[in-house]
Each structure stands twice: as structure tokens, then as C-alpha cells.
Amino acid sequence: MGLNETGLSLLQFFQGLAVIAAAIAFAIGGFYFIFGGDRGRSKAVGWLIGGAVGLIIVMGAFTLAEMVDQNIKF
């Protein structure tokens, strides 16, 4: 197993953790949105945007690693 395969497998592992973390962030945001009242709405927006941005970053890192692996050979 080379360095490329190890890096890709680590990215896949962290991608799975990111999906779980985003689901938890969305659940917390939904809880604040439903039960938080006026102040909860602003908290909910932070949780929802944070979960979405984090998920996009992790998915983008995996896509970037795949693209580099396909186009650059050592």
C-alpha cells in the first residue's frame, strides 16, 4: 500500500466522520430552530451553516485528492 492509497483511505474515513458530524450539527440546529424561540433561530442558523460548510470542505478535499491522484503520477 503506497502513500497515495493511504491518503485516500484516510480521506474516506474522515469523510464518513464528517457525514456523521454534519448530521449531528443539523439535528442540533433543528432543535434550536424548533425549541429555541427568538434567540434559538440565530443559534440554529450558525449550526446549520457550519454543518453545511464543513461537509462541503471535506467532500471537496476528497474530490481534490482524487483529481490529483488521477492526473499526477510519481
Protein backbone atom coordinates (compact mmCIF):
# COMPACT_ATOMS: atom_id res chain seq x y z
CA MET A 1 0.00 0.00 0.00
CA GLY A 2 1.56 3.25 -1.13
CA LEU A 3 1.30 6.74 0.16
CA ASN A 4 -1.46 7.66 -2.29
CA GLU A 5 -3.68 4.76 -1.24
CA THR A 6 -3.10 5.52 2.44
CA GLY A 7 -4.04 9.17 1.96
CA LEU A 8 -7.18 8.30 0.03
CA SER A 9 -8.26 5.74 2.62
CA LEU A 10 -7.74 8.31 5.39
CA LEU A 11 -9.81 10.84 3.46
CA GLN A 12 -12.59 8.29 3.02
CA PHE A 13 -12.55 7.59 6.76
CA PHE A 14 -12.74 11.28 7.64
CA GLN A 15 -15.43 11.75 5.02
CA GLY A 16 -17.58 9.22 6.86
CA LEU A 17 -16.96 11.01 10.15
CA ALA A 18 -17.85 14.33 8.53
CA VAL A 19 -21.21 13.00 7.37
CA ILE A 20 -21.99 11.90 10.92
CA ALA A 21 -20.82 15.23 12.36
CA ALA A 22 -22.91 17.16 9.82
CA ALA A 23 -25.98 15.10 10.71
CA ILE A 24 -25.44 15.91 14.39
CA ALA A 25 -24.95 19.61 13.59
CA PHE A 26 -28.17 19.64 11.53
CA ALA A 27 -30.03 17.92 14.38
CA ILE A 28 -28.77 20.45 16.93
CA GLY A 29 -29.63 23.29 14.57
CA GLY A 30 -33.12 21.89 14.07
CA PHE A 31 -33.57 21.56 17.83
CA TYR A 32 -32.59 25.20 18.36
CA PHE A 33 -34.81 26.28 15.48
CA ILE A 34 -37.88 24.49 16.84
CA PHE A 35 -37.48 24.96 20.59
CA GLY A 36 -35.16 27.97 20.91
CA GLY A 37 -37.57 30.82 20.42
CA ASP A 38 -36.23 34.10 19.07
CA ARG A 39 -32.65 33.57 20.22
CA GLY A 40 -32.68 29.96 19.08
CA ARG A 41 -33.23 30.96 15.48
CA SER A 42 -29.87 32.78 15.33
CA LYS A 43 -28.15 29.82 17.01
CA ALA A 44 -29.81 27.43 14.57
CA VAL A 45 -28.55 29.34 11.55
CA GLY A 46 -24.99 29.09 12.86
CA TRP A 47 -25.25 25.34 13.39
CA LEU A 48 -26.86 24.70 10.01
CA ILE A 49 -24.39 26.82 8.04
CA GLY A 50 -21.45 25.37 9.96
CA GLY A 51 -22.54 21.81 9.26
CA ALA A 52 -23.07 22.51 5.56
CA VAL A 53 -19.74 24.34 5.11
CA GLY A 54 -17.84 21.62 6.95
CA LEU A 55 -19.41 18.94 4.81
CA ILE A 56 -18.58 20.83 1.62
CA ILE A 57 -14.95 21.25 2.70
CA VAL A 58 -14.49 17.55 3.45
CA MET A 59 -16.17 16.44 0.22
CA GLY A 60 -14.09 18.95 -1.74
CA ALA A 61 -10.86 17.67 -0.18
CA PHE A 62 -11.68 14.13 -1.26
CA THR A 63 -12.53 15.27 -4.78
CA LEU A 64 -9.30 17.27 -4.99
CA ALA A 65 -7.27 14.28 -3.80
CA GLU A 66 -8.91 12.03 -6.41
CA MET A 67 -8.19 14.57 -9.15
CA VAL A 68 -4.53 14.90 -8.13
CA ASP A 69 -4.16 11.12 -7.93
CA GLN A 70 -5.56 10.66 -11.45
CA ASN A 71 -3.61 13.49 -13.11
CA ILE A 72 -0.20 13.39 -11.40
CA LYS A 73 1.87 10.21 -11.40
CA PHE A 74 5.12 9.89 -9.48
